[in-house]
Amino acid sequence: MAWTESAIINGPSKWDLMLSLFDSKTGHEHEVQFQLEVGVTMHVFLSSVEREDGSAESWNFQGWSTGYSTARVMWKQHQHVRGYFNTLRRKGHFRLVSK
C-alpha cells in the first residue's frame, strides 16, 4: 500500500461510533468502516474517540485497522490508525500511523 493518509469520503454514523466504543458485552468489538478517497474501505476497531470542538459532530479518533477492501479484494492488515471525522458531513481525514 503506497498511501499513508487520505480523505474520508464516507463513514459511520454517530450511533455507530458510540457502539464501536460501548457495545462490547459479547467480547467482540464493533467494527466501523471508512471509505477513503484513495479507493479503499478501511475496517477499523476504535480505541478512543474525543470531541474535536463543541459541536458534538466533529471527532478525533484512534484505533486499529483490521484490513481494507476494494470492490474485488479484502486484505488483512493490523496497523494503528488515527484521524478526524465529522458525523454530520460524514467526511474527514484518515492516517495510518507508523510503528
PDB file of N, CA and C in Angstrom:
ATOM      1  N   MET A   1       0.850  -1.160   0.000  1.00  0.00           N
ATOM      2  CA  MET A   1       0.000   0.000   0.000  1.00  0.00           C
ATOM      3  C   MET A   1       0.902   1.231   0.000  1.00  0.00           C
ATOM      4  N   ALA A   2       0.759   2.084  -0.991  1.00  0.00           N
ATOM      5  CA  ALA A   2       1.650   3.226  -1.165  1.00  0.00           C
ATOM      6  C   ALA A   2       1.219   4.458  -0.379  1.00  0.00           C
ATOM      7  N   TRP A   3      -0.014   4.558   0.014  1.00  0.00           N
ATOM      8  CA  TRP A   3      -0.503   5.760   0.689  1.00  0.00           C
ATOM      9  C   TRP A   3      -0.445   5.588   2.208  1.00  0.00           C
ATOM     10  N   THR A   4      -0.355   6.693   2.942  1.00  0.00           N
ATOM     11  CA  THR A   4      -0.431   6.653   4.408  1.00  0.00           C
ATOM     12  C   THR A   4      -1.493   7.593   4.939  1.00  0.00           C
ATOM     13  N   GLU A   5      -1.991   8.519   4.106  1.00  0.00           N
ATOM     14  CA  GLU A   5      -3.046   9.447   4.505  1.00  0.00           C
ATOM     15  C   GLU A   5      -4.049   9.586   3.369  1.00  0.00           C
ATOM     16  N   SER A   6      -5.312   9.825   3.736  1.00  0.00           N
ATOM     17  CA  SER A   6      -6.336  10.009   2.717  1.00  0.00           C
ATOM     18  C   SER A   6      -7.526  10.742   3.321  1.00  0.00           C
ATOM     19  N   ALA A   7      -8.286  11.393   2.455  1.00  0.00           N
ATOM     20  CA  ALA A   7      -9.553  11.991   2.867  1.00  0.00           C
ATOM     21  C   ALA A   7     -10.584  10.879   3.046  1.00  0.00           C
ATOM     22  N   ILE A   8     -11.431  11.027   4.046  1.00  0.00           N
ATOM     23  CA  ILE A   8     -12.572  10.131   4.235  1.00  0.00           C
ATOM     24  C   ILE A   8     -13.728  10.715   3.428  1.00  0.00           C
ATOM     25  N   ILE A   9     -14.328   9.905   2.572  1.00  0.00           N
ATOM     26  CA  ILE A   9     -15.455  10.397   1.767  1.00  0.00           C
ATOM     27  C   ILE A   9     -16.797   9.857   2.255  1.00  0.00           C
ATOM     28  N   ASN A  10     -16.767   8.862   3.139  1.00  0.00           N
ATOM     29  CA  ASN A  10     -17.979   8.354   3.773  1.00  0.00           C
ATOM     30  C   ASN A  10     -17.555   7.528   4.973  1.00  0.00           C
ATOM     31  N   GLY A  11     -18.387   7.553   6.009  1.00  0.00           N
ATOM     32  CA  GLY A  11     -18.021   6.818   7.207  1.00  0.00           C
ATOM     33  C   GLY A  11     -19.213   6.556   8.097  1.00  0.00           C
ATOM     34  N   PRO A  12     -18.946   6.135   9.330  1.00  0.00           N
ATOM     35  CA  PRO A  12     -20.012   5.696  10.231  1.00  0.00           C
ATOM     36  C   PRO A  12     -20.852   6.854  10.770  1.00  0.00           C
ATOM     37  N   SER A  13     -22.025   6.501  11.230  1.00  0.00           N
ATOM     38  CA  SER A  13     -22.897   7.472  11.889  1.00  0.00           C
ATOM     39  C   SER A  13     -22.401   7.717  13.316  1.00  0.00           C
ATOM     40  N   LYS A  14     -22.943   8.714  13.952  1.00  0.00           N
ATOM     41  CA  LYS A  14     -22.598   8.980  15.349  1.00  0.00           C
ATOM     42  C   LYS A  14     -22.981   7.771  16.218  1.00  0.00           C
ATOM     43  N   TRP A  15     -24.110   7.147  15.926  1.00  0.00           N
ATOM     44  CA  TRP A  15     -24.569   5.958  16.647  1.00  0.00           C
ATOM     45  C   TRP A  15     -23.541   4.822  16.512  1.00  0.00           C
ATOM     46  N   ASP A  16     -23.047   4.595  15.296  1.00  0.00           N
ATOM     47  CA  ASP A  16     -22.057   3.541  15.086  1.00  0.00           C
ATOM     48  C   ASP A  16     -20.740   3.845  15.806  1.00  0.00           C
ATOM     49  N   LEU A  17     -20.349   5.128  15.857  1.00  0.00           N
ATOM     50  CA  LEU A  17     -19.154   5.488  16.628  1.00  0.00           C
ATOM     51  C   LEU A  17     -19.352   5.136  18.097  1.00  0.00           C
ATOM     52  N   MET A  18     -20.537   5.449  18.635  1.00  0.00           N
ATOM     53  CA  MET A  18     -20.827   5.138  20.028  1.00  0.00           C
ATOM     54  C   MET A  18     -20.795   3.627  20.268  1.00  0.00           C
ATOM     55  N   LEU A  19     -21.454   2.873  19.391  1.00  0.00           N
ATOM     56  CA  LEU A  19     -21.460   1.412  19.549  1.00  0.00           C
ATOM     57  C   LEU A  19     -20.063   0.828  19.479  1.00  0.00           C
ATOM     58  N   SER A  20     -19.207   1.411  18.633  1.00  0.00           N
ATOM     59  CA  SER A  20     -17.853   0.884  18.491  1.00  0.00           C
ATOM     60  C   SER A  20     -17.073   0.955  19.801  1.00  0.00           C
ATOM     61  N   LEU A  21     -17.436   1.884  20.667  1.00  0.00           N
ATOM     62  CA  LEU A  21     -16.737   2.029  21.946  1.00  0.00           C
ATOM     63  C   LEU A  21     -17.438   1.319  23.096  1.00  0.00           C
ATOM     64  N   PHE A  22     -18.769   1.270  23.070  1.00  0.00           N
ATOM     65  CA  PHE A  22     -19.502   0.809  24.248  1.00  0.00           C
ATOM     66  C   PHE A  22     -20.220  -0.521  24.088  1.00  0.00           C
ATOM     67  N   ASP A  23     -20.333  -1.060  22.903  1.00  0.00           N
ATOM     68  CA  ASP A  23     -21.046  -2.318  22.695  1.00  0.00           C
ATOM     69  C   ASP A  23     -20.054  -3.470  22.636  1.00  0.00           C
ATOM     70  N   SER A  24     -19.494  -3.820  23.780  1.00  0.00           N
ATOM     71  CA  SER A  24     -18.501  -4.895  23.801  1.00  0.00           C
ATOM     72  C   SER A  24     -18.883  -5.991  24.786  1.00  0.00           C
ATOM     73  N   LYS A  25     -20.163  -6.071  25.143  1.00  0.00           N
ATOM     74  CA  LYS A  25     -20.581  -7.074  26.125  1.00  0.00           C
ATOM     75  C   LYS A  25     -20.389  -8.502  25.628  1.00  0.00           C
ATOM     76  N   THR A  26     -20.349  -8.684  24.324  1.00  0.00           N
ATOM     77  CA  THR A  26     -20.146 -10.019  23.765  1.00  0.00           C
ATOM     78  C   THR A  26     -18.673 -10.390  23.679  1.00  0.00           C
ATOM     79  N   GLY A  27     -17.804  -9.462  24.005  1.00  0.00           N
ATOM     80  CA  GLY A  27     -16.370  -9.719  23.904  1.00  0.00           C
ATOM     81  C   GLY A  27     -15.798  -9.402  22.539  1.00  0.00           C
ATOM     82  N   HIS A  28     -16.627  -8.950  21.612  1.00  0.00           N
ATOM     83  CA  HIS A  28     -16.180  -8.586  20.278  1.00  0.00           C
ATOM     84  C   HIS A  28     -16.421  -7.105  20.064  1.00  0.00           C
ATOM     85  N   GLU A  29     -15.408  -6.417  19.640  1.00  0.00           N
ATOM     86  CA  GLU A  29     -15.552  -5.002  19.351  1.00  0.00           C
ATOM     87  C   GLU A  29     -16.441  -4.801  18.134  1.00  0.00           C
ATOM     88  N   HIS A  30     -17.023  -3.645  18.062  1.00  0.00           N
ATOM     89  CA  HIS A  30     -17.884  -3.261  16.940  1.00  0.00           C
ATOM     90  C   HIS A  30     -17.013  -2.565  15.896  1.00  0.00           C
ATOM     91  N   GLU A  31     -16.887  -3.161  14.735  1.00  0.00           N
ATOM     92  CA  GLU A  31     -16.055  -2.610  13.669  1.00  0.00           C
ATOM     93  C   GLU A  31     -16.785  -1.481  12.944  1.00  0.00           C
ATOM     94  N   VAL A  32     -16.049  -0.422  12.602  1.00  0.00           N
ATOM     95  CA  VAL A  32     -16.590   0.633  11.749  1.00  0.00           C
ATOM     96  C   VAL A  32     -15.797   0.645  10.447  1.00  0.00           C
ATOM     97  N   GLN A  33     -16.393   1.250   9.422  1.00  0.00           N
ATOM     98  CA  GLN A  33     -15.732   1.309   8.121  1.00  0.00           C
ATOM     99  C   GLN A  33     -15.662   2.744   7.643  1.00  0.00           C
ATOM    100  N   PHE A  34     -14.513   3.092   7.077  1.00  0.00           N
ATOM    101  CA  PHE A  34     -14.304   4.410   6.481  1.00  0.00           C
ATOM    102  C   PHE A  34     -13.986   4.216   5.002  1.00  0.00           C
ATOM    103  N   GLN A  35     -14.776   4.841   4.124  1.00  0.00           N
ATOM    104  CA  GLN A  35     -14.475   4.821   2.694  1.00  0.00           C
ATOM    105  C   GLN A  35     -13.536   5.981   2.404  1.00  0.00           C
ATOM    106  N   LEU A  36     -12.402   5.668   1.782  1.00  0.00           N
ATOM    107  CA  LEU A  36     -11.363   6.663   1.566  1.00  0.00           C
ATOM    108  C   LEU A  36     -11.284   7.084   0.104  1.00  0.00           C
ATOM    109  N   GLU A  37     -10.786   8.290  -0.082  1.00  0.00           N
ATOM    110  CA  GLU A  37     -10.639   8.875  -1.414  1.00  0.00           C
ATOM    111  C   GLU A  37      -9.692   8.063  -2.298  1.00  0.00           C
ATOM    112  N   VAL A  38      -8.761   7.327  -1.696  1.00  0.00           N
ATOM    113  CA  VAL A  38      -7.802   6.533  -2.475  1.00  0.00           C
ATOM    114  C   VAL A  38      -8.418   5.252  -3.038  1.00  0.00           C
ATOM    115  N   GLY A  39      -9.713   5.018  -2.768  1.00  0.00           N
ATOM    116  CA  GLY A  39     -10.407   3.891  -3.368  1.00  0.00           C
ATOM    117  C   GLY A  39     -10.498   2.638  -2.536  1.00  0.00           C
ATOM    118  N   VAL A  40     -10.214   2.726  -1.241  1.00  0.00           N
ATOM    119  CA  VAL A  40     -10.337   1.564  -0.369  1.00  0.00           C
ATOM    120  C   VAL A  40     -11.315   1.875   0.763  1.00  0.00           C
ATOM    121  N   THR A  41     -11.834   0.822   1.365  1.00  0.00           N
ATOM    122  CA  THR A  41     -12.640   0.928   2.576  1.00  0.00           C
ATOM    123  C   THR A  41     -11.827   0.334   3.710  1.00  0.00           C
ATOM    124  N   MET A  42     -11.532   1.137   4.729  1.00  0.00           N
ATOM    125  CA  MET A  42     -10.766   0.670   5.879  1.00  0.00           C
ATOM    126  C   MET A  42     -11.718   0.121   6.934  1.00  0.00           C
ATOM    127  N   HIS A  43     -11.379  -1.044   7.472  1.00  0.00           N
ATOM    128  CA  HIS A  43     -12.149  -1.693   8.537  1.00  0.00           C
ATOM    129  C   HIS A  43     -11.376  -1.450   9.830  1.00  0.00           C
ATOM    130  N   VAL A  44     -12.043  -0.837  10.824  1.00  0.00           N
ATOM    131  CA  VAL A  44     -11.330  -0.327  11.996  1.00  0.00           C
ATOM    132  C   VAL A  44     -12.069  -0.672  13.287  1.00  0.00           C
ATOM    133  N   PHE A  45     -11.303  -1.077  14.307  1.00  0.00           N
ATOM    134  CA  PHE A  45     -11.790  -1.144  15.679  1.00  0.00           C
ATOM    135  C   PHE A  45     -11.279   0.110  16.376  1.00  0.00           C
ATOM    136  N   LEU A  46     -12.187   0.954  16.871  1.00  0.00           N
ATOM    137  CA  LEU A  46     -11.791   2.203  17.514  1.00  0.00           C
ATOM    138  C   LEU A  46     -11.438   1.959  18.973  1.00  0.00           C
ATOM    139  N   SER A  47     -10.369   2.605  19.438  1.00  0.00           N
ATOM    140  CA  SER A  47      -9.987   2.521  20.841  1.00  0.00           C
ATOM    141  C   SER A  47     -10.312   3.810  21.587  1.00  0.00           C
ATOM    142  N   SER A  48     -10.421   4.926  20.863  1.00  0.00           N
ATOM    143  CA  SER A  48     -10.827   6.180  21.509  1.00  0.00           C
ATOM    144  C   SER A  48     -11.430   7.136  20.486  1.00  0.00           C
ATOM    145  N   VAL A  49     -12.380   7.919  20.972  1.00  0.00           N
ATOM    146  CA  VAL A  49     -12.995   8.997  20.200  1.00  0.00           C
ATOM    147  C   VAL A  49     -13.109  10.177  21.144  1.00  0.00           C
ATOM    148  N   GLU A  50     -12.688  11.362  20.687  1.00  0.00           N
ATOM    149  CA  GLU A  50     -12.809  12.558  21.513  1.00  0.00           C
ATOM    150  C   GLU A  50     -13.396  13.697  20.695  1.00  0.00           C
ATOM    151  N   ARG A  51     -14.089  14.590  21.382  1.00  0.00           N
ATOM    152  CA  ARG A  51     -14.647  15.755  20.702  1.00  0.00           C
ATOM    153  C   ARG A  51     -13.541  16.641  20.178  1.00  0.00           C
ATOM    154  N   GLU A  52     -13.679  17.045  18.935  1.00  0.00           N
ATOM    155  CA  GLU A  52     -12.694  17.939  18.331  1.00  0.00           C
ATOM    156  C   GLU A  52     -13.030  19.386  18.655  1.00  0.00           C
ATOM    157  N   ASP A  53     -14.332  19.674  18.763  1.00  0.00           N
ATOM    158  CA  ASP A  53     -14.803  21.006  19.148  1.00  0.00           C
ATOM    159  C   ASP A  53     -16.100  20.832  19.944  1.00  0.00           C
ATOM    160  N   GLY A  54     -16.849  21.863  20.136  1.00  0.00           N
ATOM    161  CA  GLY A  54     -18.073  21.782  20.931  1.00  0.00           C
ATOM    162  C   GLY A  54     -19.318  21.438  20.145  1.00  0.00           C
ATOM    163  N   SER A  55     -19.188  21.095  18.865  1.00  0.00           N
ATOM    164  CA  SER A  55     -20.364  20.878  18.020  1.00  0.00           C
ATOM    165  C   SER A  55     -21.039  19.529  18.243  1.00  0.00           C
ATOM    166  N   ALA A  56     -20.359  18.581  18.848  1.00  0.00           N
ATOM    167  CA  ALA A  56     -20.837  17.201  19.005  1.00  0.00           C
ATOM    168  C   ALA A  56     -21.024  16.518  17.649  1.00  0.00           C
ATOM    169  N   GLU A  57     -20.347  17.009  16.629  1.00  0.00           N
ATOM    170  CA  GLU A  57     -20.344  16.393  15.298  1.00  0.00           C
ATOM    171  C   GLU A  57     -18.927  16.171  14.776  1.00  0.00           C
ATOM    172  N   SER A  58     -17.926  16.782  15.408  1.00  0.00           N
ATOM    173  CA  SER A  58     -16.529  16.687  14.970  1.00  0.00           C
ATOM    174  C   SER A  58     -15.742  15.852  15.978  1.00  0.00           C
ATOM    175  N   TRP A  59     -15.040  14.829  15.478  1.00  0.00           N
ATOM    176  CA  TRP A  59     -14.397  13.861  16.356  1.00  0.00           C
ATOM    177  C   TRP A  59     -12.972  13.541  15.906  1.00  0.00           C
ATOM    178  N   ASN A  60     -12.080  13.390  16.868  1.00  0.00           N
ATOM    179  CA  ASN A  60     -10.761  12.812  16.643  1.00  0.00           C
ATOM    180  C   ASN A  60     -10.855  11.361  17.093  1.00  0.00           C
ATOM    181  N   PHE A  61     -10.285  10.455  16.330  1.00  0.00           N
ATOM    182  CA  PHE A  61     -10.378   9.040  16.683  1.00  0.00           C
ATOM    183  C   PHE A  61      -9.019   8.367  16.569  1.00  0.00           C
ATOM    184  N   GLN A  62      -8.896   7.244  17.281  1.00  0.00           N
ATOM    185  CA  GLN A  62      -7.734   6.368  17.185  1.00  0.00           C
ATOM    186  C   GLN A  62      -8.223   4.935  17.232  1.00  0.00           C
ATOM    187  N   GLY A  63      -7.465   4.041  16.660  1.00  0.00           N
ATOM    188  CA  GLY A  63      -7.836   2.640  16.701  1.00  0.00           C
ATOM    189  C   GLY A  63      -6.867   1.785  15.920  1.00  0.00           C
ATOM    190  N   TRP A  64      -7.348   0.606  15.523  1.00  0.00           N
ATOM    191  CA  TRP A  64      -6.530  -0.365  14.806  1.00  0.00           C
ATOM    192  C   TRP A  64      -7.282  -0.852  13.583  1.00  0.00           C
ATOM    193  N   SER A  65      -6.617  -0.850  12.457  1.00  0.00           N
ATOM    194  CA  SER A  65      -7.247  -1.392  11.253  1.00  0.00           C
ATOM    195  C   SER A  65      -7.200  -2.909  11.326  1.00  0.00           C
ATOM    196  N   THR A  66      -8.254  -3.534  10.839  1.00  0.00           N
ATOM    197  CA  THR A  66      -8.268  -4.991  10.731  1.00  0.00           C
ATOM    198  C   THR A  66      -8.037  -5.397   9.293  1.00  0.00           C
ATOM    199  N   GLY A  67      -8.043  -4.414   8.402  1.00  0.00           N
ATOM    200  CA  GLY A  67      -7.819  -4.682   6.992  1.00  0.00           C
ATOM    201  C   GLY A  67      -8.479  -3.622   6.143  1.00  0.00           C
ATOM    202  N   TYR A  68      -8.388  -3.812   4.855  1.00  0.00           N
ATOM    203  CA  TYR A  68      -9.047  -2.882   3.943  1.00  0.00           C
ATOM    204  C   TYR A  68      -9.519  -3.643   2.725  1.00  0.00           C
ATOM    205  N   SER A  69     -10.474  -3.049   2.028  1.00  0.00           N
ATOM    206  CA  SER A  69     -11.044  -3.750   0.882  1.00  0.00           C
ATOM    207  C   SER A  69     -11.245  -2.787  -0.275  1.00  0.00           C
ATOM    208  N   THR A  70     -11.272  -3.368  -1.457  1.00  0.00           N
ATOM    209  CA  THR A  70     -11.675  -2.662  -2.671  1.00  0.00           C
ATOM    210  C   THR A  70     -12.913  -3.395  -3.178  1.00  0.00           C
ATOM    211  N   ALA A  71     -13.367  -3.062  -4.350  1.00  0.00           N
ATOM    212  CA  ALA A  71     -14.541  -3.738  -4.904  1.00  0.00           C
ATOM    213  C   ALA A  71     -14.299  -5.227  -5.127  1.00  0.00           C
ATOM    214  N   ARG A  72     -13.025  -5.631  -5.280  1.00  0.00           N
ATOM    215  CA  ARG A  72     -12.738  -7.020  -5.611  1.00  0.00           C
ATOM    216  C   ARG A  72     -12.041  -7.831  -4.536  1.00  0.00           C
ATOM    217  N   VAL A  73     -11.356  -7.197  -3.627  1.00  0.00           N
ATOM    218  CA  VAL A  73     -10.471  -7.957  -2.745  1.00  0.00           C
ATOM    219  C   VAL A  73     -10.453  -7.380  -1.334  1.00  0.00           C
ATOM    220  N   MET A  74     -10.197  -8.224  -0.328  1.00  0.00           N
ATOM    221  CA  MET A  74     -10.070  -7.800   1.069  1.00  0.00           C
ATOM    222  C   MET A  74      -8.696  -8.220   1.571  1.00  0.00           C
ATOM    223  N   TRP A  75      -7.932  -7.285   2.144  1.00  0.00           N
ATOM    224  CA  TRP A  75      -6.623  -7.577   2.710  1.00  0.00           C
ATOM    225  C   TRP A  75      -6.705  -7.493   4.226  1.00  0.00           C
ATOM    226  N   LYS A  76      -5.980  -8.348   4.888  1.00  0.00           N
ATOM    227  CA  LYS A  76      -5.854  -8.269   6.346  1.00  0.00           C
ATOM    228  C   LYS A  76      -4.637  -7.414   6.664  1.00  0.00           C
ATOM    229  N   GLN A  77      -4.810  -6.519   7.604  1.00  0.00           N
ATOM    230  CA  GLN A  77      -3.708  -5.651   7.990  1.00  0.00           C
ATOM    231  C   GLN A  77      -3.999  -5.110   9.377  1.00  0.00           C
ATOM    232  N   HIS A  78      -3.055  -5.194  10.266  1.00  0.00           N
ATOM    233  CA  HIS A  78      -3.230  -4.656  11.612  1.00  0.00           C
ATOM    234  C   HIS A  78      -2.247  -3.506  11.783  1.00  0.00           C
ATOM    235  N   GLN A  79      -2.805  -2.300  11.812  1.00  0.00           N
ATOM    236  CA  GLN A  79      -1.965  -1.116  11.927  1.00  0.00           C
ATOM    237  C   GLN A  79      -2.715  -0.052  12.709  1.00  0.00           C
ATOM    238  N   HIS A  80      -1.967   0.714  13.498  1.00  0.00           N
ATOM    239  CA  HIS A  80      -2.544   1.804  14.264  1.00  0.00           C
ATOM    240  C   HIS A  80      -3.017   2.894  13.307  1.00  0.00           C
ATOM    241  N   VAL A  81      -4.216   3.420  13.560  1.00  0.00           N
ATOM    242  CA  VAL A  81      -4.776   4.482  12.724  1.00  0.00           C
ATOM    243  C   VAL A  81      -5.270   5.617  13.600  1.00  0.00           C
ATOM    244  N   ARG A  82      -5.368   6.795  13.005  1.00  0.00           N
ATOM    245  CA  ARG A  82      -5.969   7.941  13.702  1.00  0.00           C
ATOM    246  C   ARG A  82      -6.513   8.895  12.660  1.00  0.00           C
ATOM    247  N   GLY A  83      -7.356   9.807  13.114  1.00  0.00           N
ATOM    248  CA  GLY A  83      -7.895  10.764  12.172  1.00  0.00           C
ATOM    249  C   GLY A  83      -8.933  11.678  12.778  1.00  0.00           C
ATOM    250  N   TYR A  84      -9.570  12.400  11.891  1.00  0.00           N
ATOM    251  CA  TYR A  84     -10.638  13.338  12.223  1.00  0.00           C
ATOM    252  C   TYR A  84     -11.847  12.952  11.383  1.00  0.00           C
ATOM    253  N   PHE A  85     -13.051  13.020  12.001  1.00  0.00           N
ATOM    254  CA  PHE A  85     -14.264  12.666  11.276  1.00  0.00           C
ATOM    255  C   PHE A  85     -15.421  13.535  11.729  1.00  0.00           C
ATOM    256  N   ASN A  86     -16.197  14.034  10.757  1.00  0.00           N
ATOM    257  CA  ASN A  86     -17.389  14.827  11.052  1.00  0.00           C
ATOM    258  C   ASN A  86     -18.604  13.953  10.757  1.00  0.00           C
ATOM    259  N   THR A  87     -19.397  13.654  11.799  1.00  0.00           N
ATOM    260  CA  THR A  87     -20.537  12.744  11.636  1.00  0.00           C
ATOM    261  C   THR A  87     -21.702  13.388  10.894  1.00  0.00           C
ATOM    262  N   LEU A  88     -21.777  14.700  10.849  1.00  0.00           N
ATOM    263  CA  LEU A  88     -22.845  15.364  10.105  1.00  0.00           C
ATOM    264  C   LEU A  88     -22.584  15.288   8.600  1.00  0.00           C
ATOM    265  N   ARG A  89     -21.354  15.589   8.199  1.00  0.00           N
ATOM    266  CA  ARG A  89     -20.990  15.562   6.773  1.00  0.00           C
ATOM    267  C   ARG A  89     -20.490  14.193   6.317  1.00  0.00           C
ATOM    268  N   ARG A  90     -20.121  13.326   7.284  1.00  0.00           N
ATOM    269  CA  ARG A  90     -19.551  12.001   7.015  1.00  0.00           C
ATOM    270  C   ARG A  90     -18.263  12.095   6.210  1.00  0.00           C
ATOM    271  N   LYS A  91     -17.477  13.106   6.519  1.00  0.00           N
ATOM    272  CA  LYS A  91     -16.187  13.322   5.837  1.00  0.00           C
ATOM    273  C   LYS A  91     -15.121  13.594   6.890  1.00  0.00           C
ATOM    274  N   GLY A  92     -13.874  13.442   6.491  1.00  0.00           N
ATOM    275  CA  GLY A  92     -12.793  13.702   7.425  1.00  0.00           C
ATOM    276  C   GLY A  92     -11.451  13.356   6.821  1.00  0.00           C
ATOM    277  N   HIS A  93     -10.510  12.986   7.705  1.00  0.00           N
ATOM    278  CA  HIS A  93      -9.153  12.679   7.316  1.00  0.00           C
ATOM    279  C   HIS A  93      -8.697  11.428   8.056  1.00  0.00           C
ATOM    280  N   PHE A  94      -8.015  10.527   7.359  1.00  0.00           N
ATOM    281  CA  PHE A  94      -7.598   9.233   7.873  1.00  0.00           C
ATOM    282  C   PHE A  94      -6.092   9.080   7.702  1.00  0.00           C
ATOM    283  N   ARG A  95      -5.417   8.554   8.741  1.00  0.00           N
ATOM    284  CA  ARG A  95      -3.965   8.390   8.643  1.00  0.00           C
ATOM    285  C   ARG A  95      -3.543   7.054   9.240  1.00  0.00           C
ATOM    286  N   LEU A  96      -2.679   6.354   8.523  1.00  0.00           N
ATOM    287  CA  LEU A  96      -2.022   5.160   9.056  1.00  0.00           C
ATOM    288  C   LEU A  96      -0.813   5.638   9.844  1.00  0.00           C
ATOM    289  N   VAL A  97      -0.644   5.135  11.050  1.00  0.00           N
ATOM    290  CA  VAL A  97       0.428   5.584  11.927  1.00  0.00           C
ATOM    291  C   VAL A  97       1.571   4.579  11.873  1.00  0.00           C
ATOM    292  N   SER A  98       2.776   5.060  11.627  1.00  0.00           N
ATOM    293  CA  SER A  98       3.965   4.190  11.600  1.00  0.00           C
ATOM    294  C   SER A  98       4.236   3.664  12.994  1.00  0.00           C
ATOM    295  N   LYS A  99       4.813   2.485  13.047  1.00  0.00           N
ATOM    296  CA  LYS A  99       5.138   1.879  14.338  1.00  0.00           C
ATOM    297  C   LYS A  99       6.351   2.514  14.947  1.00  0.00           C
TER     298      LYS A  99
END
